[in-house]
């Protein structure tokens, strides 16, 4: 059992270190770059939500609406690349 807690602690420490690195990198961005990064993150979160709703949807019309929304989000995300 101690091994499980120990590995969890290491995992938390790694996650905290990565978050700190991301915070430092975010402070080095210009306001425009930060706004773009936040917008991209928002689109990715919306995409994740739509994908999870598509998996649970049973109505074909609702699935079609979600597919249109997903295609639109993918098009907007393609602009970032």
C-alpha atoms as a PDB file:
ATOM      1  CA  UNK A   1       0.000   0.000   0.000  1.00  0.00           C
ATOM      2  CA  UNK A   2       2.840   2.388   0.746  1.00  0.00           C
ATOM      3  CA  UNK A   3       4.105   1.898  -2.768  1.00  0.00           C
ATOM      4  CA  UNK A   4       0.752   3.103  -4.158  1.00  0.00           C
ATOM      5  CA  UNK A   5       0.802   6.237  -2.045  1.00  0.00           C
ATOM      6  CA  UNK A   6       4.440   6.879  -2.898  1.00  0.00           C
ATOM      7  CA  UNK A   7       3.888   6.620  -6.638  1.00  0.00           C
ATOM      8  CA  UNK A   8       0.847   8.867  -6.357  1.00  0.00           C
ATOM      9  CA  UNK A   9       2.957  11.452  -4.559  1.00  0.00           C
ATOM     10  CA  UNK A  10       5.593  11.294  -7.286  1.00  0.00           C
ATOM     11  CA  UNK A  11       2.878  11.668  -9.905  1.00  0.00           C
ATOM     12  CA  UNK A  12       1.523  14.737  -8.096  1.00  0.00           C
ATOM     13  CA  UNK A  13       5.012  16.235  -7.894  1.00  0.00           C
ATOM     14  CA  UNK A  14       5.549  15.704 -11.622  1.00  0.00           C
ATOM     15  CA  UNK A  15       2.179  17.299 -12.369  1.00  0.00           C
ATOM     16  CA  UNK A  16       2.976  20.279 -10.151  1.00  0.00           C
ATOM     17  CA  UNK A  17       6.356  20.754 -11.842  1.00  0.00           C
ATOM     18  CA  UNK A  18       4.745  20.674 -15.285  1.00  0.00           C
ATOM     19  CA  UNK A  19       2.105  23.172 -14.184  1.00  0.00           C
ATOM     20  CA  UNK A  20       4.809  25.487 -12.847  1.00  0.00           C
ATOM     21  CA  UNK A  21       6.685  25.259 -16.165  1.00  0.00           C
ATOM     22  CA  UNK A  22       3.518  26.088 -18.061  1.00  0.00           C
ATOM     23  CA  UNK A  23       2.894  29.076 -15.796  1.00  0.00           C
ATOM     24  CA  UNK A  24       6.397  30.405 -16.429  1.00  0.00           C
ATOM     25  CA  UNK A  25       5.944  29.920 -20.163  1.00  0.00           C
ATOM     26  CA  UNK A  26       2.579  31.702 -20.025  1.00  0.00           C
ATOM     27  CA  UNK A  27       4.182  34.720 -18.376  1.00  0.00           C
ATOM     28  CA  UNK A  28       6.678  34.966 -21.225  1.00  0.00           C
ATOM     29  CA  UNK A  29       3.954  35.236 -23.858  1.00  0.00           C
ATOM     30  CA  UNK A  30       2.743  38.518 -25.238  1.00  0.00           C
ATOM     31  CA  UNK A  31      -0.877  39.434 -24.472  1.00  0.00           C
ATOM     32  CA  UNK A  32      -1.907  38.466 -28.008  1.00  0.00           C
ATOM     33  CA  UNK A  33      -0.173  35.101 -27.756  1.00  0.00           C
ATOM     34  CA  UNK A  34      -1.741  34.457 -24.370  1.00  0.00           C
ATOM     35  CA  UNK A  35      -5.191  35.317 -25.745  1.00  0.00           C
ATOM     36  CA  UNK A  36      -4.675  32.955 -28.681  1.00  0.00           C
ATOM     37  CA  UNK A  37      -3.517  30.174 -26.359  1.00  0.00           C
ATOM     38  CA  UNK A  38      -6.566  30.672 -24.132  1.00  0.00           C
ATOM     39  CA  UNK A  39      -8.874  30.663 -27.159  1.00  0.00           C
ATOM     40  CA  UNK A  40      -7.291  27.450 -28.454  1.00  0.00           C
ATOM     41  CA  UNK A  41      -7.633  25.841 -25.021  1.00  0.00           C
ATOM     42  CA  UNK A  42     -11.287  26.868 -24.933  1.00  0.00           C
ATOM     43  CA  UNK A  43     -11.874  25.320 -28.357  1.00  0.00           C
ATOM     44  CA  UNK A  44     -10.167  22.102 -27.265  1.00  0.00           C
ATOM     45  CA  UNK A  45     -12.331  21.907 -24.164  1.00  0.00           C
ATOM     46  CA  UNK A  46     -15.480  22.506 -26.233  1.00  0.00           C
ATOM     47  CA  UNK A  47     -14.388  19.817 -28.662  1.00  0.00           C
ATOM     48  CA  UNK A  48     -13.893  17.372 -25.819  1.00  0.00           C
ATOM     49  CA  UNK A  49     -17.362  18.123 -24.481  1.00  0.00           C
ATOM     50  CA  UNK A  50     -18.974  17.635 -27.897  1.00  0.00           C
ATOM     51  CA  UNK A  51     -17.154  14.347 -28.467  1.00  0.00           C
ATOM     52  CA  UNK A  52     -18.343  13.031 -25.108  1.00  0.00           C
ATOM     53  CA  UNK A  53     -21.900  14.121 -25.896  1.00  0.00           C
ATOM     54  CA  UNK A  54     -21.716  12.403 -29.283  1.00  0.00           C
ATOM     55  CA  UNK A  55     -20.754   9.155 -27.579  1.00  0.00           C
ATOM     56  CA  UNK A  56     -23.803   9.372 -25.328  1.00  0.00           C
ATOM     57  CA  UNK A  57     -26.292  10.698 -27.907  1.00  0.00           C
ATOM     58  CA  UNK A  58     -28.967   8.340 -29.132  1.00  0.00           C
ATOM     59  CA  UNK A  59     -31.030  10.663 -31.336  1.00  0.00           C
ATOM     60  CA  UNK A  60     -29.640  10.798 -34.889  1.00  0.00           C
ATOM     61  CA  UNK A  61     -30.727  14.428 -35.347  1.00  0.00           C
ATOM     62  CA  UNK A  62     -28.895  15.482 -32.187  1.00  0.00           C
ATOM     63  CA  UNK A  63     -25.824  13.539 -33.308  1.00  0.00           C
ATOM     64  CA  UNK A  64     -25.991  15.373 -36.651  1.00  0.00           C
ATOM     65  CA  UNK A  65     -26.092  18.736 -34.863  1.00  0.00           C
ATOM     66  CA  UNK A  66     -23.136  17.726 -32.734  1.00  0.00           C
ATOM     67  CA  UNK A  67     -21.248  16.606 -35.853  1.00  0.00           C
ATOM     68  CA  UNK A  68     -21.775  20.035 -37.447  1.00  0.00           C
ATOM     69  CA  UNK A  69     -20.517  21.715 -34.283  1.00  0.00           C
ATOM     70  CA  UNK A  70     -17.534  19.371 -34.149  1.00  0.00           C
ATOM     71  CA  UNK A  71     -16.660  20.119 -37.776  1.00  0.00           C
ATOM     72  CA  UNK A  72     -16.814  23.848 -37.051  1.00  0.00           C
ATOM     73  CA  UNK A  73     -14.544  23.498 -34.026  1.00  0.00           C
ATOM     74  CA  UNK A  74     -12.094  21.408 -36.042  1.00  0.00           C
ATOM     75  CA  UNK A  75     -12.020  24.105 -38.725  1.00  0.00           C
ATOM     76  CA  UNK A  76     -11.290  26.767 -36.109  1.00  0.00           C
ATOM     77  CA  UNK A  77      -8.582  24.608 -34.527  1.00  0.00           C
ATOM     78  CA  UNK A  78      -6.996  24.059 -37.953  1.00  0.00           C
ATOM     79  CA  UNK A  79      -6.411  27.822 -38.133  1.00  0.00           C
ATOM     80  CA  UNK A  80      -4.038  27.534 -35.161  1.00  0.00           C
ATOM     81  CA  UNK A  81      -1.837  25.041 -36.961  1.00  0.00           C
END
